Protein backbone atom coordinates (compact mmCIF):
# COMPACT_ATOMS: atom_id res chain seq x y z
CA MET A 1 -166.84 209.50 -138.25
CA THR A 2 -167.53 212.52 -136.05
CA LEU A 3 -165.52 211.58 -132.93
CA ILE A 4 -161.80 211.92 -133.52
CA LYS A 5 -159.42 210.66 -130.84
CA SER A 6 -155.86 211.82 -131.39
CA ILE A 7 -152.72 212.46 -129.39
CA SER A 8 -153.67 216.15 -129.23
CA GLY A 9 -157.04 215.51 -127.58
CA ILE A 10 -160.58 214.51 -128.46
CA ARG A 11 -162.79 216.32 -130.97
CA GLY A 12 -166.29 215.63 -132.16
CA THR A 13 -169.79 216.81 -132.91
CA ILE A 14 -172.28 217.38 -130.12
CA GLY A 15 -175.13 214.88 -129.69
CA GLY A 16 -175.64 211.44 -131.14
CA GLU A 17 -174.42 208.08 -129.87
CA VAL A 18 -171.72 207.45 -127.28
CA GLY A 19 -168.41 206.63 -128.94
CA ASP A 20 -169.48 208.06 -132.28
CA ASN A 21 -169.87 211.72 -131.28
CA LEU A 22 -168.73 214.04 -128.49
CA THR A 23 -171.48 213.11 -126.05
CA PRO A 24 -171.50 213.96 -122.31
CA VAL A 25 -170.34 210.40 -121.63
CA ASP A 26 -167.35 210.83 -123.97
CA ALA A 27 -166.45 214.20 -122.42
CA VAL A 28 -166.45 212.63 -118.94
CA LYS A 29 -164.49 209.59 -120.14
CA PHE A 30 -161.65 211.59 -121.69
CA ALA A 31 -161.53 214.14 -118.87
CA SER A 32 -161.20 211.13 -116.55
CA ALA A 33 -158.39 209.73 -118.67
CA TYR A 34 -156.51 213.04 -118.65
CA GLY A 35 -156.93 213.47 -114.88
CA THR A 36 -155.84 209.88 -114.29
CA PHE A 37 -152.79 210.45 -116.50
CA LEU A 38 -151.83 213.45 -114.36
CA LYS A 39 -152.30 211.47 -111.15
CA ASN A 40 -150.23 208.57 -112.51
CA ASN A 41 -147.43 210.91 -113.48
CA ARG A 42 -147.57 213.29 -110.53
CA ASP A 43 -144.33 214.94 -109.45
CA SER A 44 -142.54 212.70 -106.94
CA SER A 45 -141.87 215.79 -104.80
CA LEU A 46 -145.61 216.07 -104.10
CA ARG A 47 -146.98 214.26 -101.11
CA GLN A 48 -149.61 211.74 -102.11
CA ASN A 49 -152.35 213.76 -100.42
CA ASP A 50 -151.40 217.04 -102.16
CA LYS A 51 -153.96 217.93 -104.78
CA LEU A 52 -153.13 218.38 -108.43
CA LYS A 53 -154.31 221.56 -110.16
CA VAL A 54 -155.63 222.05 -113.72
CA VAL A 55 -156.50 225.31 -115.55
CA ILE A 56 -159.63 225.21 -117.74
CA GLY A 57 -160.97 227.74 -120.24
CA ARG A 58 -163.36 227.61 -123.18
CA ASP A 59 -164.31 229.47 -126.34
CA ALA A 60 -167.84 230.82 -126.88
CA ARG A 61 -169.36 227.74 -128.54
CA ILE A 62 -173.00 227.05 -127.71
CA SER A 63 -171.99 223.68 -126.22
CA GLY A 64 -169.17 225.27 -124.21
CA PRO A 65 -170.90 225.68 -120.82
CA MET A 66 -172.21 222.10 -120.91
CA ILE A 67 -168.86 220.51 -121.79
CA HIS A 68 -167.08 222.90 -119.40
CA ASN A 69 -169.16 221.81 -116.40
CA LEU A 70 -168.84 218.12 -117.28
CA VAL A 71 -165.05 218.31 -117.57
CA MET A 72 -164.55 220.44 -114.45
CA ASN A 73 -166.72 218.23 -112.25
CA THR A 74 -165.06 215.09 -113.55
CA LEU A 75 -161.69 216.46 -112.44
CA LEU A 76 -163.15 217.35 -109.04
CA GLY A 77 -164.31 213.74 -108.76
CA LEU A 78 -160.70 212.65 -109.26
CA GLY A 79 -159.60 214.91 -106.41
CA ILE A 80 -158.07 217.53 -108.73
CA ASP A 81 -158.48 221.26 -108.09
CA VAL A 82 -159.61 223.42 -111.01
CA ILE A 83 -158.74 227.03 -111.87
CA ASP A 84 -161.73 228.09 -113.97
CA LEU A 85 -160.96 230.89 -116.45
CA GLY A 86 -164.43 230.70 -117.97
CA LEU A 87 -164.64 232.29 -121.41
CA SER A 88 -161.05 232.45 -122.62
CA THR A 89 -158.67 231.71 -125.49
CA THR A 90 -156.23 228.90 -126.20
CA PRO A 91 -153.12 231.09 -125.74
CA THR A 92 -154.59 232.62 -122.55
CA VAL A 93 -154.99 229.18 -120.97
CA GLU A 94 -151.46 228.32 -122.13
CA ILE A 95 -149.90 231.27 -120.31
CA ALA A 96 -152.11 230.73 -117.23
CA VAL A 97 -150.91 227.16 -116.59
CA PRO A 98 -147.31 228.02 -115.58
CA MET A 99 -148.40 231.27 -113.92
CA GLU A 100 -150.75 229.26 -111.68
CA ASN A 101 -148.06 226.60 -111.13
CA ALA A 102 -150.66 224.12 -112.37
CA ASP A 103 -150.06 220.53 -113.42
CA GLY A 104 -151.86 220.92 -116.73
CA GLY A 105 -154.60 222.65 -118.65
CA ILE A 106 -157.60 221.93 -120.84
CA ILE A 107 -159.01 224.25 -123.50
CA LEU A 108 -162.56 223.44 -124.56
CA THR A 109 -162.61 224.45 -128.21
CA ALA A 110 -162.82 222.87 -131.63
CA SER A 111 -160.68 225.71 -132.99
CA HIS A 112 -161.71 226.47 -136.60
CA ASN A 113 -164.39 223.77 -136.82
CA PRO A 114 -168.07 224.80 -137.23
CA LYS A 115 -170.37 225.34 -134.23
CA GLN A 116 -171.61 221.74 -133.94
CA TRP A 117 -168.07 220.65 -132.99
CA ASN A 118 -166.27 220.89 -129.67
CA ALA A 119 -163.07 219.41 -128.28
CA LEU A 120 -160.76 218.94 -125.32
CA LYS A 121 -157.27 220.30 -126.04
CA LEU A 122 -154.79 219.02 -123.47
CA LEU A 123 -151.75 220.82 -122.02
CA ASN A 124 -148.81 219.84 -119.82
CA ALA A 125 -147.46 221.76 -116.81
CA LYS A 126 -145.58 224.18 -119.13
CA GLY A 127 -148.83 225.18 -120.83
CA GLU A 128 -147.74 223.36 -124.00
CA PHE A 129 -149.49 220.60 -125.92
CA LEU A 130 -148.76 217.07 -124.83
CA SER A 131 -146.20 214.96 -126.65
CA GLY A 132 -147.30 212.14 -128.91
CA LYS A 133 -146.23 209.58 -126.30
CA GLU A 134 -148.26 211.31 -123.56
CA GLY A 135 -151.29 211.51 -125.83
CA GLU A 136 -151.06 207.79 -126.55
CA LEU A 137 -151.00 207.04 -122.82
CA ILE A 138 -154.20 209.05 -122.31
CA LEU A 139 -155.92 207.20 -125.16
CA GLU A 140 -154.91 203.88 -123.56
CA ILE A 141 -156.27 204.98 -120.17
CA ALA A 142 -159.54 206.05 -121.81
CA GLU A 143 -159.85 202.73 -123.62
CA SER A 144 -159.27 200.69 -120.46
CA GLU A 145 -161.37 203.04 -118.30
CA ALA A 146 -158.82 202.56 -115.50
CA PHE A 147 -160.18 205.41 -113.38
CA ASP A 148 -160.02 205.65 -109.58
CA PHE A 149 -162.22 208.45 -108.25
CA SER A 150 -161.75 210.17 -104.90
CA ASP A 151 -163.79 209.70 -101.76
CA VAL A 152 -166.08 212.44 -100.48
CA ASP A 153 -163.44 214.01 -98.22
CA SER A 154 -160.88 214.27 -101.04
CA LEU A 155 -162.85 215.93 -103.85
CA GLY A 156 -161.28 218.82 -105.74
CA GLU A 157 -162.37 222.44 -105.55
CA ILE A 158 -163.04 225.11 -108.17
CA THR A 159 -161.42 228.55 -108.03
CA VAL A 160 -162.85 231.05 -110.52
CA ASN A 161 -160.39 233.52 -112.05
CA ASP A 162 -161.76 235.69 -114.86
CA ALA A 163 -158.79 238.09 -114.93
CA TYR A 164 -156.55 236.14 -117.28
CA MET A 165 -157.57 237.76 -120.55
CA ASP A 166 -156.43 241.09 -119.06
CA ILE A 167 -153.28 239.46 -117.67
CA HIS A 168 -152.59 238.02 -121.13
CA ILE A 169 -152.89 241.46 -122.73
CA ASP A 170 -150.49 242.91 -120.15
CA GLU A 171 -147.99 240.12 -120.87
CA VAL A 172 -148.10 240.89 -124.59
CA LEU A 173 -147.70 244.65 -124.09
CA ASP A 174 -144.65 243.99 -121.88
CA LEU A 175 -142.77 242.18 -124.67
CA PRO A 176 -139.61 244.14 -125.57
CA LEU A 177 -140.40 244.20 -129.31
CA VAL A 178 -143.96 245.48 -128.78
CA ASP A 179 -144.08 249.29 -128.86
CA ALA A 180 -147.58 250.49 -127.96
CA GLU A 181 -146.48 254.14 -127.91
CA ALA A 182 -145.20 254.02 -131.49
CA VAL A 183 -148.43 252.31 -132.56
CA ALA A 184 -150.63 254.88 -130.79
CA LYS A 185 -148.86 257.75 -132.59
CA ARG A 186 -149.90 256.33 -135.96
CA LYS A 187 -153.62 256.46 -135.05
CA PHE A 188 -154.45 253.25 -136.88
CA LYS A 189 -158.04 252.26 -137.59
CA VAL A 190 -158.67 248.51 -137.66
CA VAL A 191 -161.74 246.31 -138.28
CA VAL A 192 -161.98 243.13 -136.16
CA ASP A 193 -163.99 240.01 -137.01
CA GLY A 194 -164.21 238.01 -133.78
CA VAL A 195 -166.53 235.33 -135.28
CA ASN A 196 -168.80 235.82 -132.22
CA SER A 197 -166.34 234.09 -129.89
CA SER A 198 -163.77 235.13 -127.28
CA GLY A 199 -161.61 236.91 -129.86
CA GLY A 200 -164.38 239.50 -130.05
CA ILE A 201 -163.52 240.47 -126.48
CA ILE A 202 -159.76 240.14 -126.21
CA ILE A 203 -158.58 241.53 -129.57
CA PRO A 204 -160.53 244.83 -129.29
CA LYS A 205 -159.26 245.21 -125.71
CA LEU A 206 -155.66 244.77 -126.89
CA LEU A 207 -156.15 247.28 -129.73
CA GLU A 208 -157.67 249.88 -127.45
CA GLN A 209 -154.70 249.59 -125.07
CA MET A 210 -152.37 250.17 -128.03
CA GLY A 211 -154.23 253.34 -129.05
CA VAL A 212 -155.88 251.78 -132.11
CA GLU A 213 -159.41 252.71 -133.20
CA CYS A 214 -161.36 249.46 -133.38
CA VAL A 215 -164.40 248.79 -135.58
CA LYS A 216 -166.09 245.62 -134.32
CA LEU A 217 -167.69 243.03 -136.60
CA TYR A 218 -169.19 239.85 -135.12
CA CYS A 219 -167.66 240.47 -131.70
CA GLU A 220 -170.59 239.26 -129.56
CA PRO A 221 -169.38 236.04 -127.85
CA ASN A 222 -172.62 234.07 -128.25
CA GLY A 223 -171.23 231.10 -130.20
CA HIS A 224 -173.45 231.70 -133.23
CA PHE A 225 -170.72 231.86 -135.85
CA PRO A 226 -171.88 234.22 -138.65
CA HIS A 227 -169.77 232.38 -141.22
CA ASN A 228 -167.55 229.31 -141.37
CA PRO A 229 -165.04 230.07 -138.58
CA GLU A 230 -161.96 229.00 -140.53
CA PRO A 231 -160.33 232.31 -141.55
CA LEU A 232 -160.13 231.64 -145.28
CA LYS A 233 -160.87 234.09 -148.11
CA GLU A 234 -164.16 232.45 -149.12
CA HIS A 235 -165.57 233.04 -145.61
CA LEU A 236 -164.50 236.66 -145.13
CA GLY A 237 -166.46 238.74 -147.66
CA ASP A 238 -168.10 240.90 -144.97
CA ILE A 239 -164.90 242.14 -143.35
CA CYS A 240 -163.19 242.66 -146.72
CA LYS A 241 -166.02 245.05 -147.70
CA LEU A 242 -166.10 246.76 -144.30
CA VAL A 243 -162.35 247.51 -144.29
CA VAL A 244 -162.80 249.47 -147.53
CA ALA A 245 -166.06 251.12 -146.43
CA GLU A 246 -164.50 252.28 -143.14
CA LYS A 247 -161.29 253.39 -144.87
CA ALA A 248 -159.49 251.29 -142.27
CA ASP A 249 -155.75 250.61 -142.28
CA PHE A 250 -156.41 246.87 -142.22
CA GLY A 251 -158.64 244.13 -140.82
CA ILE A 252 -158.02 241.39 -138.26
CA VAL A 253 -159.69 237.98 -138.30
CA VAL A 254 -159.25 235.30 -135.64
CA ASP A 255 -160.74 231.85 -135.22
CA PRO A 256 -162.97 230.96 -132.22
CA ASP A 257 -160.09 230.13 -129.84
CA VAL A 258 -157.77 232.93 -131.08
CA ASP A 259 -154.72 230.91 -132.08
CA ARG A 260 -155.08 231.60 -135.83
CA LEU A 261 -154.68 235.10 -137.23
CA ALA A 262 -155.40 236.55 -140.67
CA PHE A 263 -155.14 240.13 -141.91
CA ILE A 264 -157.14 242.00 -144.54
CA SER A 265 -155.15 244.66 -146.41
CA ASN A 266 -156.39 248.25 -146.66
CA ASP A 267 -157.65 247.56 -150.20
CA GLY A 268 -159.99 244.83 -148.93
CA GLU A 269 -157.83 242.00 -150.25
CA MET A 270 -156.52 239.11 -148.15
CA PHE A 271 -153.03 239.75 -146.78
CA GLY A 272 -152.76 235.97 -146.82
CA GLU A 273 -152.78 233.64 -143.79
CA GLU A 274 -149.36 232.37 -144.85
CA TYR A 275 -147.98 235.90 -144.71
CA THR A 276 -149.08 236.58 -141.11
CA LEU A 277 -146.04 234.63 -139.92
CA VAL A 278 -143.85 236.05 -142.69
CA ALA A 279 -144.57 239.67 -141.69
CA CYS A 280 -144.13 239.05 -137.96
CA ALA A 281 -140.91 237.12 -138.58
CA ASP A 282 -139.60 239.90 -140.82
CA TYR A 283 -140.01 242.38 -137.95
CA VAL A 284 -138.61 240.09 -135.22
CA LEU A 285 -135.62 239.01 -137.34
CA SER A 286 -134.81 242.66 -138.17
CA LYS A 287 -134.40 243.33 -134.43
CA THR A 288 -133.13 239.97 -133.16
CA PRO A 289 -131.53 237.84 -135.91
CA GLY A 290 -131.93 234.09 -135.55
CA ASN A 291 -133.56 230.93 -136.83
CA THR A 292 -137.16 230.15 -137.80
CA VAL A 293 -139.38 227.09 -138.12
CA SER A 294 -142.71 226.41 -139.82
CA ASN A 295 -144.41 223.21 -140.87
CA MET A 296 -144.11 221.43 -144.20
CA SER A 297 -147.43 222.81 -145.45
CA SER A 298 -146.31 226.42 -144.99
CA SER A 299 -145.07 228.87 -147.60
CA ARG A 300 -141.50 229.08 -148.88
CA ALA A 301 -141.75 232.82 -148.18
CA LEU A 302 -140.66 232.33 -144.55
CA ARG A 303 -137.52 230.57 -145.75
CA ASP A 304 -136.78 233.50 -148.08
CA ILE A 305 -137.30 236.11 -145.36
CA THR A 306 -135.15 234.14 -142.91
CA ASN A 307 -132.36 233.91 -145.47
CA LYS A 308 -132.62 237.68 -146.05
CA HIS A 309 -131.87 238.21 -142.36
CA ASN A 310 -129.02 235.63 -142.44
CA GLY A 311 -130.88 233.11 -140.32
CA SER A 312 -131.55 229.40 -140.82
CA TYR A 313 -134.99 228.00 -141.67
CA GLN A 314 -136.23 224.45 -141.06
CA ALA A 315 -139.58 222.72 -141.67
CA SER A 316 -141.27 220.35 -139.23
CA ALA A 317 -144.09 217.87 -139.53
CA VAL A 318 -147.54 219.47 -139.37
CA GLY A 319 -148.87 220.04 -135.85
CA GLU A 320 -148.06 222.63 -133.24
CA VAL A 321 -146.25 220.16 -130.99
CA ASN A 322 -143.91 219.26 -133.88
CA VAL A 323 -143.20 222.90 -134.69
CA VAL A 324 -142.43 223.65 -131.03
CA GLU A 325 -140.14 220.62 -130.72
CA LEU A 326 -138.08 221.71 -133.74
CA MET A 327 -138.06 225.36 -132.57
CA LYS A 328 -136.53 224.27 -129.26
CA LYS A 329 -134.02 222.03 -131.03
CA THR A 330 -132.86 224.82 -133.38
CA ASN A 331 -133.21 227.72 -130.90
CA ALA A 332 -135.65 229.41 -133.29
CA ILE A 333 -136.67 232.90 -132.18
CA ILE A 334 -140.00 232.81 -134.01
CA GLY A 335 -141.98 230.17 -135.81
CA GLY A 336 -145.44 228.83 -136.35
CA GLU A 337 -147.75 227.51 -138.99
CA GLY A 338 -148.93 228.90 -142.30
CA ASN A 339 -152.53 228.85 -141.07
CA GLY A 340 -151.89 232.15 -139.27
CA GLY A 341 -150.34 230.65 -136.13
CA ILE A 342 -147.56 232.74 -134.54
CA ILE A 343 -145.28 231.08 -131.97
CA TYR A 344 -142.96 233.56 -130.24
CA PRO A 345 -140.91 231.92 -127.45
CA GLU A 346 -140.19 235.30 -125.83
CA SER A 347 -143.86 235.04 -124.79
CA HIS A 348 -144.59 231.29 -124.74
CA TYR A 349 -144.41 228.18 -126.93
CA GLY A 350 -147.93 228.31 -128.33
CA ARG A 351 -149.76 229.89 -131.28
CA ASP A 352 -150.95 233.29 -130.12
CA SER A 353 -152.95 235.80 -132.17
CA LEU A 354 -152.45 238.56 -129.57
CA VAL A 355 -148.69 238.33 -129.95
CA GLY A 356 -149.11 238.35 -133.75
CA VAL A 357 -151.35 241.44 -133.70
CA ALA A 358 -148.98 243.37 -131.41
CA LEU A 359 -145.86 242.50 -133.41
CA PHE A 360 -147.58 243.29 -136.72
CA LEU A 361 -148.83 246.68 -135.47
CA THR A 362 -145.36 247.58 -134.19
CA HIS A 363 -143.82 246.52 -137.51
CA LEU A 364 -146.34 248.64 -139.41
CA ALA A 365 -145.78 251.62 -137.11
CA ASN A 366 -142.08 251.57 -138.05
CA LEU A 367 -142.79 251.58 -141.79
CA ASP A 368 -144.00 254.29 -144.13
CA MET A 369 -146.25 252.09 -146.24
CA THR A 370 -149.77 250.66 -146.34
CA VAL A 371 -150.55 247.06 -145.50
CA ALA A 372 -151.13 246.35 -149.20
CA GLU A 373 -147.67 247.78 -150.00
CA LEU A 374 -146.11 245.71 -147.22
CA ARG A 375 -147.67 242.56 -148.65
CA ALA A 376 -146.38 243.42 -152.14
CA SER A 377 -142.85 243.81 -150.73
CA TYR A 378 -142.65 240.12 -149.78
CA PRO A 379 -141.75 237.16 -152.03
CA GLN A 380 -144.84 236.31 -154.08
CA TYR A 381 -146.09 232.78 -153.62
CA TYR A 382 -149.62 231.50 -154.00
CA MET A 383 -151.18 228.50 -152.34
CA SER A 384 -154.10 226.26 -153.11
CA LYS A 385 -155.53 224.39 -150.11
CA ASN A 386 -157.88 221.53 -150.95
CA LYS A 387 -159.21 218.41 -149.31
CA ILE A 388 -160.87 215.13 -150.22
CA GLU A 389 -163.48 213.64 -147.85
CA LEU A 390 -162.49 210.18 -146.65
CA THR A 391 -164.65 207.09 -146.46
CA PRO A 392 -163.71 203.88 -144.61
CA GLN A 393 -163.16 202.16 -147.97
CA ILE A 394 -160.32 204.50 -148.98
CA ASP A 395 -156.81 203.28 -148.10
CA VAL A 396 -155.00 206.58 -147.66
CA ASP A 397 -151.63 205.01 -146.87
CA ALA A 398 -151.75 203.09 -150.16
CA ILE A 399 -152.54 206.32 -152.00
CA LEU A 400 -149.53 208.06 -150.43
CA VAL A 401 -147.26 205.14 -151.31
CA ALA A 402 -148.48 205.22 -154.92
CA MET A 403 -147.89 208.99 -155.20
CA THR A 404 -144.42 208.62 -153.71
CA GLU A 405 -143.56 205.99 -156.30
CA LYS A 406 -145.00 208.09 -159.13
CA TYR A 407 -142.79 211.07 -158.22
CA LYS A 408 -139.74 209.18 -156.93
CA ASN A 409 -137.40 211.23 -159.16
CA GLU A 410 -138.42 214.48 -157.43
CA VAL A 411 -137.34 215.67 -153.96
CA ILE A 412 -139.60 213.67 -151.61
CA ASN A 413 -140.13 214.10 -147.86
CA THR A 414 -142.25 211.50 -146.03
CA ILE A 415 -141.92 212.56 -142.36
CA ASP A 416 -145.54 213.73 -142.51
CA GLY A 417 -147.58 212.34 -145.37
CA VAL A 418 -145.81 213.04 -148.66
CA LYS A 419 -144.28 216.34 -149.72
CA ILE A 420 -143.07 216.58 -153.32
CA ASP A 421 -140.73 219.50 -153.97
CA PHE A 422 -140.51 220.49 -157.62
CA ALA A 423 -138.11 223.19 -158.79
CA GLU A 424 -140.73 225.96 -158.98
CA ASN A 425 -143.53 224.61 -156.79
CA TRP A 426 -144.50 221.91 -154.30
CA VAL A 427 -147.38 219.71 -153.18
CA HIS A 428 -148.02 218.27 -149.71
CA LEU A 429 -150.44 215.37 -149.17
CA ARG A 430 -151.41 214.28 -145.67
CA LYS A 431 -154.17 212.84 -143.54
CA SER A 432 -155.71 215.43 -141.23
CA ASN A 433 -155.26 214.87 -137.49
CA THR A 434 -158.55 216.60 -136.70
CA GLU A 435 -160.97 215.80 -139.54
CA PRO A 436 -161.79 212.70 -141.69
CA ILE A 437 -160.11 214.16 -144.78
CA ILE A 438 -156.91 214.10 -146.82
CA ARG A 439 -155.41 217.55 -147.34
CA ILE A 440 -153.78 218.61 -150.61
CA TYR A 441 -151.70 221.79 -150.34
CA THR A 442 -149.86 223.24 -153.32
CA GLU A 443 -147.74 226.36 -153.77
CA ALA A 444 -146.48 228.06 -156.92
CA GLN A 445 -145.55 231.51 -158.22
CA SER A 446 -149.09 232.30 -159.39
CA GLN A 447 -152.55 231.32 -158.18
CA HIS A 448 -153.31 229.82 -161.57
CA LEU A 449 -150.28 227.54 -161.40
CA ALA A 450 -151.03 226.51 -157.79
CA ASP A 451 -154.64 225.71 -158.65
CA ASP A 452 -153.65 223.78 -161.78
CA LEU A 453 -151.15 221.70 -159.81
CA ALA A 454 -153.82 220.95 -157.19
CA VAL A 455 -156.35 219.84 -159.83
CA ARG A 456 -153.76 217.58 -161.45
CA ILE A 457 -152.78 215.94 -158.16
CA ILE A 458 -156.41 215.52 -157.02
CA ASN A 459 -157.25 213.78 -160.32
CA GLU A 460 -154.26 211.51 -159.90
CA ILE A 461 -155.33 210.62 -156.34
CA LYS A 462 -158.88 209.85 -157.50
CA THR A 463 -157.51 207.61 -160.22
CA VAL A 464 -155.34 205.72 -157.71
CA ALA A 465 -158.24 205.46 -155.22
CA GLY A 466 -160.75 204.48 -157.88
CA ILE A 467 -163.16 207.30 -157.03
């Protein structure tokens, strides 16, 4: 299965058959469903002949221009005006939606998926991801194909605005806890891996405006990803070597749409995606004490850091919309996901690598230590992230029920898959929302223990599934 329809949007591989892959027909169908959803739920204060407005941006994928034009022109056919940001980032589109007083937004990106994938990520009028209920409505509209296109005198219009990456940078630099002057005084040298997408433009621009010397690696936005774009250790050998060779203070890695952020320490070792949020939260909580939220698959280290600053930590179901919902409910001042996603409400309720970079640099500027020393100062946890490919014959729900029963005497949480909390470690099993896989995340106090726990659980799952 290479076309995945979920409440967060539609994602698939380019080419192939309609309904099985992300073909032009599927792109038009789901853009039509989203536009129809907006028209059906238009603000009652709008006159019926007032046009709706949607902001659209894309990452640098090879298929981006094709999908971009299909989606934009579909919305025009529905009588919806489009603000076209062109090459952009997910957080940039998110901040542009409310600034443009738009009714919604679409980001054309498959995030960390390889280059053959693309997707439509759907936003509401706040520039935040749609709720589960709204996503279900769009899927129903797409299934029924209940579209009503506009006549020739009522078509939408496109307005091009390519200034938003600069506007986004300005917004980040204006945050009270971001101190560009303090950063500039430290004369940091940083290597950036932009995976040949829009991060290769916007992250170096941000660094230069903060007085940081930037060494660019894979920063040409041509969509030819030089390695698997998910910012995991096994994909990042080149930047790890270059950080050491350049005697840089650290390295920055983002995914194609710039909502996931990973750091490389000055010694060429991974700072750890999980610790991106931990470090940023440590700095924010030291200045503005409060609560934090991450998802159930994220490290216990955030809980420990939050407790250190006398705040309260809570875990949500996996998925940005779930993290944001719980952050609002608990008035969290920072949160996110352990995959390097920073959500800082002072800016906006969305994962934003620019915010993470600026907060991290300011934190580092206030400390007299290297990035490797900073990492060593945090609680030491180690994660193992694994997955099992699914086939139609595998009953995942039955597997999760069997694992829950097997470990019923442990602390079990089933709000999102199954999380089993042992005294010294934990395991989280869940179906992916974006790929045909089951994810197995474990965490322990050494990599060896985390890996061993993962192997044990995977073997148990295979036994249950008969594979």
